[in-house]
Amino acid sequence: MTLLQRLSATIIALTITVTGLTGTAMADKKILDVIVASSNTGNNWKQGVMLQKALTERGYDSKLVHTANCHKNKKYIASTDRPGFYFKSGSSWISDVVRKKCFIAPEVTKDVSYVTPFFYRSNAMCVRKSDNIGSNLKDIMAWIKAKDRVTIGTFNNLPDDFSDLGKQFGNKWKKVAYNGSSNTLKGFLAGDTDLMYLGYTAREINTPDLHCFATTGGVNGTAKFADLFPNWGLSSLVEFPIVFGIKLDDAQKADTKAVMADMMSNDPALKKYYGTAFIPTAAELEKRGLGLADWWQDAADWMPGGVKADTVNNWKAGKLQ
């Protein structure tokens, strides 16, 4: 064998060895994909990006999968063999059921399981600073009461027309619905409506022209809805997503629950994202005893016109009606 042949043989042997080692290392990694079943421009996508990065840093074989909507998500779940998860709030789930006629329930088949609570976020009511109303709560309430007609921008699946608030203030309230939170905020900042009702996140806190004076939980020095609007039926409405596990066995489900608690409590980007908006996450919610039953109640609260108990029982059993 010539020197060139021996060198070639050595290179080939090294390549095979390295490839084998790489393949073994990949095979040893836990697979856990992050699935985003909504747009790739909003808060859900942003959270998905951070979660996938945190999983990769923890040694997981993790892909960020964009399924975009409920129907595509359902097809993906049926076709994939990779373990993963996505998060879904009661409000979004009801929107899928009512508007899109798409139904995916946890704990009905082995493909989709309940893993853990994800987060628990207040909603907020806000004014524009540029309207020069001021930040004093009495001044804001007086400004609202002085108007004959109040317009309020919000997301399109809010199950309320704000008529209870019209009765409280003695005027008429008109809901202006937008497709998604980004469009709601954009329309409000452009001056489309008098008030805005939206989820309370770091975006709302850090928007310069925004003053959110009241929230569901009274967080960050805001007034509590129940105190300001005692007769409003939706004063306790929140955003409460849970983690839906995809193709997870019992051991993988336990591991996913543990790593979610770890990431959301300890990953710097995720901790900052939720902490800035005073949003409790998985580990804290587990301590509070929140779980799947609470999520089903939250979903029922978001149903326009409300639901009967037997309807919720049908949902739990995997029946749309």
C-alpha atoms as a PDB file:
ATOM      1  CA  MET A   1       0.000   0.000   0.000  1.00  0.00           C
ATOM      2  CA  THR A   2       1.413   3.404  -0.971  1.00  0.00           C
ATOM      3  CA  LEU A   3       1.701   6.324   1.422  1.00  0.00           C
ATOM      4  CA  LEU A   4      -1.227   8.064  -0.299  1.00  0.00           C
ATOM      5  CA  GLN A   5      -3.375   4.961   0.048  1.00  0.00           C
ATOM      6  CA  ARG A   6      -2.490   4.614   3.738  1.00  0.00           C
ATOM      7  CA  LEU A   7      -3.353   8.293   4.346  1.00  0.00           C
ATOM      8  CA  SER A   8      -6.672   7.889   2.528  1.00  0.00           C
ATOM      9  CA  ALA A   9      -7.518   4.795   4.560  1.00  0.00           C
ATOM     10  CA  THR A  10      -6.666   6.618   7.792  1.00  0.00           C
ATOM     11  CA  ILE A  11      -8.847   9.601   6.864  1.00  0.00           C
ATOM     12  CA  ILE A  12     -11.773   7.322   6.001  1.00  0.00           C
ATOM     13  CA  ALA A  13     -11.403   5.458   9.296  1.00  0.00           C
ATOM     14  CA  LEU A  14     -11.328   8.707  11.264  1.00  0.00           C
ATOM     15  CA  THR A  15     -14.393  10.005   9.397  1.00  0.00           C
ATOM     16  CA  ILE A  16     -16.323   6.817  10.208  1.00  0.00           C
ATOM     17  CA  THR A  17     -15.268   7.063  13.873  1.00  0.00           C
ATOM     18  CA  VAL A  18     -16.274  10.723  14.200  1.00  0.00           C
ATOM     19  CA  THR A  19     -19.572  10.098  12.414  1.00  0.00           C
ATOM     20  CA  GLY A  20     -20.259   7.176  14.708  1.00  0.00           C
ATOM     21  CA  LEU A  21     -19.489   9.195  17.805  1.00  0.00           C
ATOM     22  CA  THR A  22     -21.677  12.072  16.597  1.00  0.00           C
ATOM     23  CA  GLY A  23     -24.512   9.691  15.845  1.00  0.00           C
ATOM     24  CA  THR A  24     -24.187   8.106  19.285  1.00  0.00           C
ATOM     25  CA  ALA A  25     -24.189  11.518  20.974  1.00  0.00           C
ATOM     26  CA  MET A  26     -27.324  12.550  19.080  1.00  0.00           C
ATOM     27  CA  ALA A  27     -28.983   9.239  19.900  1.00  0.00           C
ATOM     28  CA  ASP A  28     -28.292   9.829  23.597  1.00  0.00           C
ATOM     29  CA  LYS A  29     -30.040  13.226  23.565  1.00  0.00           C
ATOM     30  CA  LYS A  30     -33.635  13.490  24.733  1.00  0.00           C
ATOM     31  CA  ILE A  31     -35.976  14.648  21.978  1.00  0.00           C
ATOM     32  CA  LEU A  32     -38.431  17.399  22.880  1.00  0.00           C
ATOM     33  CA  ASP A  33     -39.725  19.740  20.190  1.00  0.00           C
ATOM     34  CA  VAL A  34     -41.462  23.070  20.794  1.00  0.00           C
ATOM     35  CA  ILE A  35     -44.573  23.440  18.646  1.00  0.00           C
ATOM     36  CA  VAL A  36     -46.157  26.831  18.001  1.00  0.00           C
ATOM     37  CA  ALA A  37     -49.714  26.476  16.718  1.00  0.00           C
ATOM     38  CA  SER A  38     -50.260  30.181  16.032  1.00  0.00           C
ATOM     39  CA  SER A  39     -48.610  32.991  14.089  1.00  0.00           C
ATOM     40  CA  ASN A  40     -44.848  33.367  13.905  1.00  0.00           C
ATOM     41  CA  THR A  41     -44.959  37.081  14.773  1.00  0.00           C
ATOM     42  CA  GLY A  42     -46.628  37.342  18.185  1.00  0.00           C
ATOM     43  CA  ASN A  43     -45.938  36.526  21.824  1.00  0.00           C
ATOM     44  CA  ASN A  44     -46.455  32.773  21.385  1.00  0.00           C
ATOM     45  CA  TRP A  45     -43.706  32.610  18.771  1.00  0.00           C
ATOM     46  CA  LYS A  46     -41.382  34.684  20.925  1.00  0.00           C
ATOM     47  CA  GLN A  47     -41.914  32.296  23.828  1.00  0.00           C
ATOM     48  CA  GLY A  48     -41.415  29.293  21.552  1.00  0.00           C
ATOM     49  CA  VAL A  49     -38.054  30.631  20.376  1.00  0.00           C
ATOM     50  CA  MET A  50     -36.880  31.136  23.957  1.00  0.00           C
ATOM     51  CA  LEU A  51     -38.095  27.697  25.067  1.00  0.00           C
ATOM     52  CA  GLN A  52     -36.379  25.892  22.189  1.00  0.00           C
ATOM     53  CA  LYS A  53     -33.133  27.740  22.887  1.00  0.00           C
ATOM     54  CA  ALA A  54     -33.319  26.863  26.587  1.00  0.00           C
ATOM     55  CA  LEU A  55     -33.950  23.190  25.788  1.00  0.00           C
ATOM     56  CA  THR A  56     -30.997  23.077  23.405  1.00  0.00           C
ATOM     57  CA  GLU A  57     -28.768  24.632  26.060  1.00  0.00           C
ATOM     58  CA  ARG A  58     -29.892  21.863  28.427  1.00  0.00           C
ATOM     59  CA  GLY A  59     -28.731  19.190  25.995  1.00  0.00           C
ATOM     60  CA  TYR A  60     -32.031  18.306  24.315  1.00  0.00           C
ATOM     61  CA  ASP A  61     -32.498  17.516  20.652  1.00  0.00           C
ATOM     62  CA  SER A  62     -35.153  20.182  20.168  1.00  0.00           C
ATOM     63  CA  LYS A  63     -36.687  21.681  17.042  1.00  0.00           C
ATOM     64  CA  LEU A  64     -38.983  24.697  16.775  1.00  0.00           C
ATOM     65  CA  VAL A  65     -41.989  23.556  14.755  1.00  0.00           C
ATOM     66  CA  HIS A  66     -44.426  26.117  13.340  1.00  0.00           C
ATOM     67  CA  THR A  67     -47.837  24.556  12.666  1.00  0.00           C
ATOM     68  CA  ALA A  68     -49.572  27.965  12.447  1.00  0.00           C
ATOM     69  CA  ASN A  69     -53.133  26.950  13.359  1.00  0.00           C
ATOM     70  CA  CYS A  70     -55.291  24.272  14.949  1.00  0.00           C
ATOM     71  CA  HIS A  71     -56.073  22.315  11.783  1.00  0.00           C
ATOM     72  CA  LYS A  72     -52.430  22.124  10.697  1.00  0.00           C
ATOM     73  CA  ASN A  73     -51.440  21.311  14.254  1.00  0.00           C
ATOM     74  CA  LYS A  74     -53.872  18.401  14.300  1.00  0.00           C
ATOM     75  CA  LYS A  75     -52.351  17.007  11.094  1.00  0.00           C
ATOM     76  CA  TYR A  76     -48.838  17.426  12.455  1.00  0.00           C
ATOM     77  CA  ILE A  77     -49.702  15.580  15.676  1.00  0.00           C
ATOM     78  CA  ALA A  78     -51.076  12.653  13.662  1.00  0.00           C
ATOM     79  CA  SER A  79     -47.999  12.426  11.434  1.00  0.00           C
ATOM     80  CA  THR A  80     -45.036  13.079  13.740  1.00  0.00           C
ATOM     81  CA  ASP A  81     -43.128  10.518  15.770  1.00  0.00           C
ATOM     82  CA  ARG A  82     -41.044  13.117  17.654  1.00  0.00           C
ATOM     83  CA  PRO A  83     -41.998  13.919  21.259  1.00  0.00           C
ATOM     84  CA  GLY A  84     -42.857  17.568  21.798  1.00  0.00           C
ATOM     85  CA  PHE A  85     -45.243  20.022  23.376  1.00  0.00           C
ATOM     86  CA  TYR A  86     -47.235  23.167  22.698  1.00  0.00           C
ATOM     87  CA  PHE A  87     -49.070  25.543  25.003  1.00  0.00           C
ATOM     88  CA  LYS A  88     -52.695  26.539  24.661  1.00  0.00           C
ATOM     89  CA  SER A  89     -54.856  28.884  26.741  1.00  0.00           C
ATOM     90  CA  GLY A  90     -58.564  28.458  27.380  1.00  0.00           C
ATOM     91  CA  SER A  91     -59.279  31.584  25.325  1.00  0.00           C
ATOM     92  CA  SER A  92     -57.354  30.301  22.300  1.00  0.00           C
ATOM     93  CA  TRP A  93     -58.864  26.821  22.633  1.00  0.00           C
ATOM     94  CA  ILE A  94     -62.399  28.234  22.628  1.00  0.00           C
ATOM     95  CA  SER A  95     -61.541  30.362  19.590  1.00  0.00           C
ATOM     96  CA  ASP A  96     -60.431  27.205  17.768  1.00  0.00           C
ATOM     97  CA  VAL A  97     -63.630  25.398  18.706  1.00  0.00           C
ATOM     98  CA  VAL A  98     -66.092  28.217  17.997  1.00  0.00           C
ATOM     99  CA  ARG A  99     -64.516  30.032  15.051  1.00  0.00           C
ATOM    100  CA  LYS A 100     -62.448  27.329  13.362  1.00  0.00           C
ATOM    101  CA  LYS A 101     -64.434  24.214  14.309  1.00  0.00           C
ATOM    102  CA  CYS A 102     -61.170  22.555  15.336  1.00  0.00           C
ATOM    103  CA  PHE A 103     -61.084  20.357  18.422  1.00  0.00           C
ATOM    104  CA  ILE A 104     -58.011  18.963  20.204  1.00  0.00           C
ATOM    105  CA  ALA A 105     -58.563  17.948  23.825  1.00  0.00           C
ATOM    106  CA  PRO A 106     -55.895  16.743  26.280  1.00  0.00           C
ATOM    107  CA  GLU A 107     -56.069  13.305  27.892  1.00  0.00           C
ATOM    108  CA  VAL A 108     -58.484  11.870  25.315  1.00  0.00           C
ATOM    109  CA  THR A 109     -55.926   9.948  23.255  1.00  0.00           C
ATOM    110  CA  LYS A 110     -52.367   8.879  24.050  1.00  0.00           C
ATOM    111  CA  ASP A 111     -51.068  11.367  21.456  1.00  0.00           C
ATOM    112  CA  VAL A 112     -52.081  14.488  23.427  1.00  0.00           C
ATOM    113  CA  SER A 113     -51.570  14.701  27.182  1.00  0.00           C
ATOM    114  CA  TYR A 114     -51.725  17.268  29.947  1.00  0.00           C
ATOM    115  CA  VAL A 115     -48.275  18.062  31.347  1.00  0.00           C
ATOM    116  CA  THR A 116     -48.299  21.159  33.582  1.00  0.00           C
ATOM    117  CA  PRO A 117     -49.655  24.705  33.921  1.00  0.00           C
ATOM    118  CA  PHE A 118     -47.719  27.148  31.734  1.00  0.00           C
ATOM    119  CA  PHE A 119     -48.460  30.629  33.097  1.00  0.00           C
ATOM    120  CA  TYR A 120     -51.255  32.697  34.624  1.00  0.00           C
ATOM    121  CA  ARG A 121     -51.529  36.211  33.219  1.00  0.00           C
ATOM    122  CA  SER A 122     -53.738  39.146  34.117  1.00  0.00           C
ATOM    123  CA  ASN A 123     -55.602  41.155  31.512  1.00  0.00           C
ATOM    124  CA  ALA A 124     -55.378  44.943  31.598  1.00  0.00           C
ATOM    125  CA  MET A 125     -57.379  48.040  30.768  1.00  0.00           C
ATOM    126  CA  CYS A 126     -55.336  50.955  29.458  1.00  0.00           C
ATOM    127  CA  VAL A 127     -55.456  54.572  28.293  1.00  0.00           C
ATOM    128  CA  ARG A 128     -53.055  56.564  26.118  1.00  0.00           C
ATOM    129  CA  LYS A 129     -50.734  58.954  27.902  1.00  0.00           C
ATOM    130  CA  SER A 130     -50.949  61.265  24.894  1.00  0.00           C
ATOM    131  CA  ASP A 131     -54.649  61.827  25.635  1.00  0.00           C
ATOM    132  CA  ASN A 132     -53.510  63.752  28.732  1.00  0.00           C
ATOM    133  CA  ILE A 133     -56.001  62.098  31.048  1.00  0.00           C
ATOM    134  CA  GLY A 134     -53.323  61.638  33.674  1.00  0.00           C
ATOM    135  CA  SER A 135     -52.496  58.593  35.781  1.00  0.00           C
ATOM    136  CA  ASN A 136     -54.740  59.405  38.741  1.00  0.00           C
ATOM    137  CA  LEU A 137     -57.380  56.685  38.996  1.00  0.00           C
ATOM    138  CA  LYS A 138     -60.169  59.081  39.997  1.00  0.00           C
ATOM    139  CA  ASP A 139     -59.422  61.273  36.977  1.00  0.00           C
ATOM    140  CA  ILE A 140     -59.521  58.250  34.634  1.00  0.00           C
ATOM    141  CA  MET A 141     -62.816  57.003  36.076  1.00  0.00           C
ATOM    142  CA  ALA A 142     -64.320  60.511  35.811  1.00  0.00           C
ATOM    143  CA  TRP A 143     -63.121  60.798  32.197  1.00  0.00           C
ATOM    144  CA  ILE A 144     -64.830  57.501  31.344  1.00  0.00           C
ATOM    145  CA  LYS A 145     -68.054  58.510  33.084  1.00  0.00           C
ATOM    146  CA  ALA A 146     -68.178  61.884  31.287  1.00  0.00           C
ATOM    147  CA  LYS A 147     -68.285  60.238  27.862  1.00  0.00           C
ATOM    148  CA  ASP A 148     -71.629  59.443  26.224  1.00  0.00           C
ATOM    149  CA  ARG A 149     -70.045  56.610  24.271  1.00  0.00           C
ATOM    150  CA  VAL A 150     -66.903  54.636  25.139  1.00  0.00           C
ATOM    151  CA  THR A 151     -65.072  52.598  22.512  1.00  0.00           C
ATOM    152  CA  ILE A 152     -62.711  49.871  23.664  1.00  0.00           C
ATOM    153  CA  GLY A 153     -60.305  47.870  21.510  1.00  0.00           C
ATOM    154  CA  THR A 154     -59.718  44.216  22.303  1.00  0.00           C
ATOM    155  CA  PHE A 155     -59.030  40.819  20.734  1.00  0.00           C
ATOM    156  CA  ASN A 156     -61.778  39.240  18.679  1.00  0.00           C
ATOM    157  CA  ASN A 157     -62.544  36.248  20.899  1.00  0.00           C
ATOM    158  CA  LEU A 158     -63.414  38.174  24.059  1.00  0.00           C
ATOM    159  CA  PRO A 159     -66.838  36.832  25.141  1.00  0.00           C
ATOM    160  CA  ASP A 160     -68.230  40.169  26.274  1.00  0.00           C
ATOM    161  CA  ASP A 161     -69.669  43.391  24.870  1.00  0.00           C
ATOM    162  CA  PHE A 162     -68.853  45.467  28.015  1.00  0.00           C
ATOM    163  CA  SER A 163     -72.552  46.208  28.604  1.00  0.00           C
ATOM    164  CA  ASP A 164     -72.057  45.676  32.361  1.00  0.00           C
ATOM    165  CA  LEU A 165     -69.600  48.566  32.370  1.00  0.00           C
ATOM    166  CA  GLY A 166     -72.019  50.706  30.400  1.00  0.00           C
ATOM    167  CA  LYS A 167     -74.580  50.181  33.159  1.00  0.00           C
ATOM    168  CA  GLN A 168     -72.032  51.105  35.822  1.00  0.00           C
ATOM    169  CA  PHE A 169     -70.978  54.350  34.132  1.00  0.00           C
ATOM    170  CA  GLY A 170     -74.360  55.275  32.664  1.00  0.00           C
ATOM    171  CA  ASN A 171     -73.177  55.411  29.048  1.00  0.00           C
ATOM    172  CA  LYS A 172     -72.807  53.181  26.016  1.00  0.00           C
ATOM    173  CA  TRP A 173     -69.772  50.970  25.430  1.00  0.00           C
ATOM    174  CA  LYS A 174     -68.778  49.684  22.006  1.00  0.00           C
ATOM    175  CA  LYS A 175     -66.320  46.819  21.577  1.00  0.00           C
ATOM    176  CA  VAL A 176     -63.935  47.107  18.625  1.00  0.00           C
ATOM    177  CA  ALA A 177     -62.451  43.662  17.969  1.00  0.00           C
ATOM    178  CA  TYR A 178     -59.090  43.054  16.318  1.00  0.00           C
ATOM    179  CA  ASN A 179     -57.423  39.907  15.049  1.00  0.00           C
ATOM    180  CA  GLY A 180     -54.676  39.317  17.604  1.00  0.00           C
ATOM    181  CA  SER A 181     -53.039  41.321  20.351  1.00  0.00           C
ATOM    182  CA  SER A 182     -50.484  43.041  18.104  1.00  0.00           C
ATOM    183  CA  ASN A 183     -53.211  44.488  15.903  1.00  0.00           C
ATOM    184  CA  THR A 184     -55.213  45.517  18.970  1.00  0.00           C
ATOM    185  CA  LEU A 185     -52.288  47.468  20.381  1.00  0.00           C
ATOM    186  CA  LYS A 186     -51.434  48.974  16.996  1.00  0.00           C
ATOM    187  CA  GLY A 187     -55.006  50.173  16.489  1.00  0.00           C
ATOM    188  CA  PHE A 188     -55.214  51.631  19.974  1.00  0.00           C
ATOM    189  CA  LEU A 189     -51.945  53.548  19.685  1.00  0.00           C
ATOM    190  CA  ALA A 190     -53.196  54.918  16.359  1.00  0.00           C
ATOM    191  CA  GLY A 191     -56.178  56.396  18.205  1.00  0.00           C
ATOM    192  CA  ASP A 192     -58.888  54.009  17.002  1.00  0.00           C
ATOM    193  CA  THR A 193     -60.581  53.658  20.404  1.00  0.00           C
ATOM    194  CA  ASP A 194     -60.850  55.359  23.801  1.00  0.00           C
ATOM    195  CA  LEU A 195     -59.662  52.389  25.864  1.00  0.00           C
ATOM    196  CA  MET A 196     -57.906  49.090  25.347  1.00  0.00           C
ATOM    197  CA  TYR A 197     -58.431  45.701  27.043  1.00  0.00           C
ATOM    198  CA  LEU A 198     -55.547  43.294  26.458  1.00  0.00           C
ATOM    199  CA  GLY A 199     -53.224  40.789  28.118  1.00  0.00           C
ATOM    200  CA  TYR A 200     -50.761  42.412  30.521  1.00  0.00           C
ATOM    201  CA  THR A 201     -47.256  41.608  29.283  1.00  0.00           C
ATOM    202  CA  ALA A 202     -43.853  43.307  29.164  1.00  0.00           C
ATOM    203  CA  ARG A 203     -44.938  44.826  25.855  1.00  0.00           C
ATOM    204  CA  GLU A 204     -47.814  46.693  27.475  1.00  0.00           C
ATOM    205  CA  ILE A 205     -45.663  47.726  30.436  1.00  0.00           C
ATOM    206  CA  ASN A 206     -42.872  49.076  28.242  1.00  0.00           C
ATOM    207  CA  THR A 207     -44.911  50.830  25.531  1.00  0.00           C
ATOM    208  CA  PRO A 208     -44.168  54.548  26.102  1.00  0.00           C
ATOM    209  CA  ASP A 209     -47.636  55.931  25.287  1.00  0.00           C
ATOM    210  CA  LEU A 210     -49.527  53.319  27.313  1.00  0.00           C
ATOM    211  CA  HIS A 211     -50.824  53.573  30.866  1.00  0.00           C
ATOM    212  CA  CYS A 212     -52.578  50.433  32.116  1.00  0.00           C
ATOM    213  CA  PHE A 213     -54.506  51.492  35.188  1.00  0.00           C
ATOM    214  CA  ALA A 214     -56.299  48.249  36.093  1.00  0.00           C
ATOM    215  CA  THR A 215     -55.665  44.500  35.786  1.00  0.00           C
ATOM    216  CA  THR A 216     -57.332  41.228  36.731  1.00  0.00           C
ATOM    217  CA  GLY A 217     -54.968  40.577  39.620  1.00  0.00           C
ATOM    218  CA  GLY A 218     -54.121  44.165  40.570  1.00  0.00           C
ATOM    219  CA  VAL A 219     -50.454  43.541  39.727  1.00  0.00           C
ATOM    220  CA  ASN A 220     -47.639  46.083  39.411  1.00  0.00           C
ATOM    221  CA  GLY A 221     -49.464  48.782  41.341  1.00  0.00           C
ATOM    222  CA  THR A 222     -52.583  48.696  39.171  1.00  0.00           C
ATOM    223  CA  ALA A 223     -56.124  48.666  40.512  1.00  0.00           C
ATOM    224  CA  LYS A 224     -57.939  45.344  40.594  1.00  0.00           C
ATOM    225  CA  PHE A 225     -60.832  44.906  38.160  1.00  0.00           C
ATOM    226  CA  ALA A 226     -63.103  43.434  40.842  1.00  0.00           C
ATOM    227  CA  ASP A 227     -62.630  46.554  42.989  1.00  0.00           C
ATOM    228  CA  LEU A 228     -63.214  49.048  40.157  1.00  0.00           C
ATOM    229  CA  PHE A 229     -65.924  47.130  38.331  1.00  0.00           C
ATOM    230  CA  PRO A 230     -67.726  45.007  40.972  1.00  0.00           C
ATOM    231  CA  ASN A 231     -70.629  44.045  38.693  1.00  0.00           C
ATOM    232  CA  TRP A 232     -68.583  43.154  35.628  1.00  0.00           C
ATOM    233  CA  GLY A 233     -69.025  39.479  34.867  1.00  0.00           C
ATOM    234  CA  LEU A 234     -65.538  39.124  33.413  1.00  0.00           C
ATOM    235  CA  SER A 235     -63.558  40.937  36.089  1.00  0.00           C
ATOM    236  CA  SER A 236     -61.762  37.681  36.954  1.00  0.00           C
ATOM    237  CA  LEU A 237     -60.948  36.616  33.379  1.00  0.00           C
ATOM    238  CA  VAL A 238     -57.289  35.650  32.853  1.00  0.00           C
ATOM    239  CA  GLU A 239     -55.020  34.051  30.271  1.00  0.00           C
ATOM    240  CA  PHE A 240     -54.185  30.564  31.537  1.00  0.00           C
ATOM    241  CA  PRO A 241     -52.353  28.300  29.083  1.00  0.00           C
ATOM    242  CA  ILE A 242     -51.287  24.759  29.904  1.00  0.00           C
ATOM    243  CA  VAL A 243     -48.679  22.546  28.285  1.00  0.00           C
ATOM    244  CA  PHE A 244     -50.060  19.930  25.885  1.00  0.00           C
ATOM    245  CA  GLY A 245     -47.647  17.021  25.546  1.00  0.00           C
ATOM    246  CA  ILE A 246     -47.360  15.364  22.120  1.00  0.00           C
ATOM    247  CA  LYS A 247     -46.397  11.678  21.817  1.00  0.00           C
ATOM    248  CA  LEU A 248     -45.031  11.547  25.381  1.00  0.00           C
ATOM    249  CA  ASP A 249     -44.915   8.385  27.474  1.00  0.00           C
ATOM    250  CA  ASP A 250     -45.183   8.658  31.270  1.00  0.00           C
ATOM    251  CA  ALA A 251     -41.425   9.071  31.772  1.00  0.00           C
ATOM    252  CA  GLN A 252     -41.192  11.725  29.052  1.00  0.00           C
ATOM    253  CA  LYS A 253     -44.180  13.544  30.509  1.00  0.00           C
ATOM    254  CA  ALA A 254     -42.526  13.660  33.942  1.00  0.00           C
ATOM    255  CA  ASP A 255     -39.284  14.865  32.376  1.00  0.00           C
ATOM    256  CA  THR A 256     -41.104  17.575  30.384  1.00  0.00           C
ATOM    257  CA  LYS A 257     -42.883  18.778  33.516  1.00  0.00           C
ATOM    258  CA  ALA A 258     -39.562  19.011  35.363  1.00  0.00           C
ATOM    259  CA  VAL A 259     -37.689  20.800  32.591  1.00  0.00           C
ATOM    260  CA  MET A 260     -40.546  23.286  32.075  1.00  0.00           C
ATOM    261  CA  ALA A 261     -40.408  24.230  35.763  1.00  0.00           C
ATOM    262  CA  ASP A 262     -36.630  24.557  35.538  1.00  0.00           C
ATOM    263  CA  MET A 263     -36.572  26.649  32.361  1.00  0.00           C
ATOM    264  CA  MET A 264     -39.306  29.066  33.345  1.00  0.00           C
ATOM    265  CA  SER A 265     -37.830  29.603  36.803  1.00  0.00           C
ATOM    266  CA  ASN A 266     -34.129  29.692  35.925  1.00  0.00           C
ATOM    267  CA  ASP A 267     -33.514  30.493  32.250  1.00  0.00           C
ATOM    268  CA  PRO A 268     -32.480  34.188  32.218  1.00  0.00           C
ATOM    269  CA  ALA A 269     -34.495  35.164  29.123  1.00  0.00           C
ATOM    270  CA  LEU A 270     -37.667  33.340  30.180  1.00  0.00           C
ATOM    271  CA  LYS A 271     -37.388  34.480  33.795  1.00  0.00           C
ATOM    272  CA  LYS A 272     -37.088  38.096  32.662  1.00  0.00           C
ATOM    273  CA  TYR A 273     -39.925  37.772  30.131  1.00  0.00           C
ATOM    274  CA  TYR A 274     -42.455  36.550  32.690  1.00  0.00           C
ATOM    275  CA  GLY A 275     -41.057  38.349  35.723  1.00  0.00           C
ATOM    276  CA  THR A 276     -41.228  41.766  34.072  1.00  0.00           C
ATOM    277  CA  ALA A 277     -44.977  41.334  33.619  1.00  0.00           C
ATOM    278  CA  PHE A 278     -45.533  39.770  37.061  1.00  0.00           C
ATOM    279  CA  ILE A 279     -46.665  36.482  35.540  1.00  0.00           C
ATOM    280  CA  PRO A 280     -46.409  33.356  37.731  1.00  0.00           C
ATOM    281  CA  THR A 281     -45.250  30.271  35.821  1.00  0.00           C
ATOM    282  CA  ALA A 282     -45.223  26.461  36.005  1.00  0.00           C
ATOM    283  CA  ALA A 283     -43.499  25.716  39.325  1.00  0.00           C
ATOM    284  CA  GLU A 284     -45.380  28.430  41.222  1.00  0.00           C
ATOM    285  CA  LEU A 285     -48.709  27.401  39.702  1.00  0.00           C
ATOM    286  CA  GLU A 286     -48.082  23.767  40.667  1.00  0.00           C
ATOM    287  CA  LYS A 287     -47.538  24.949  44.258  1.00  0.00           C
ATOM    288  CA  ARG A 288     -50.856  26.813  44.112  1.00  0.00           C
ATOM    289  CA  GLY A 289     -52.574  23.604  43.051  1.00  0.00           C
ATOM    290  CA  LEU A 290     -53.693  24.804  39.626  1.00  0.00           C
ATOM    291  CA  GLY A 291     -54.152  22.095  37.018  1.00  0.00           C
ATOM    292  CA  LEU A 292     -56.235  20.686  34.200  1.00  0.00           C
ATOM    293  CA  ALA A 293     -59.592  21.165  35.971  1.00  0.00           C
ATOM    294  CA  ASP A 294     -58.836  24.883  36.365  1.00  0.00           C
ATOM    295  CA  TRP A 295     -57.914  25.106  32.687  1.00  0.00           C
ATOM    296  CA  TRP A 296     -61.239  23.567  31.672  1.00  0.00           C
ATOM    297  CA  GLN A 297     -63.028  26.134  33.850  1.00  0.00           C
ATOM    298  CA  ASP A 298     -61.027  28.930  32.231  1.00  0.00           C
ATOM    299  CA  ALA A 299     -61.981  27.634  28.785  1.00  0.00           C
ATOM    300  CA  ALA A 300     -65.652  27.617  29.812  1.00  0.00           C
ATOM    301  CA  ASP A 301     -65.343  31.215  31.062  1.00  0.00           C
ATOM    302  CA  TRP A 302     -64.152  32.293  27.603  1.00  0.00           C
ATOM    303  CA  MET A 303     -67.126  30.694  25.818  1.00  0.00           C
ATOM    304  CA  PRO A 304     -69.493  33.365  24.430  1.00  0.00           C
ATOM    305  CA  GLY A 305     -72.780  33.059  26.289  1.00  0.00           C
ATOM    306  CA  GLY A 306     -71.338  30.553  28.743  1.00  0.00           C
ATOM    307  CA  VAL A 307     -71.592  26.763  28.696  1.00  0.00           C
ATOM    308  CA  LYS A 308     -73.503  24.069  30.525  1.00  0.00           C
ATOM    309  CA  ALA A 309     -71.754  21.498  32.705  1.00  0.00           C
ATOM    310  CA  ASP A 310     -72.607  18.646  30.342  1.00  0.00           C
ATOM    311  CA  THR A 311     -70.933  20.538  27.473  1.00  0.00           C
ATOM    312  CA  VAL A 312     -67.664  20.699  29.397  1.00  0.00           C
ATOM    313  CA  ASN A 313     -68.000  17.006  30.280  1.00  0.00           C
ATOM    314  CA  ASN A 314     -68.422  16.222  26.580  1.00  0.00           C
ATOM    315  CA  TRP A 315     -65.286  18.220  25.770  1.00  0.00           C
ATOM    316  CA  LYS A 316     -63.328  16.271  28.362  1.00  0.00           C
ATOM    317  CA  ALA A 317     -64.509  13.043  26.757  1.00  0.00           C
ATOM    318  CA  GLY A 318     -63.354  14.204  23.317  1.00  0.00           C
ATOM    319  CA  LYS A 319     -66.762  15.225  21.971  1.00  0.00           C
ATOM    320  CA  LEU A 320     -67.218  18.618  20.381  1.00  0.00           C
ATOM    321  CA  GLN A 321     -70.910  18.750  21.251  1.00  0.00           C
END
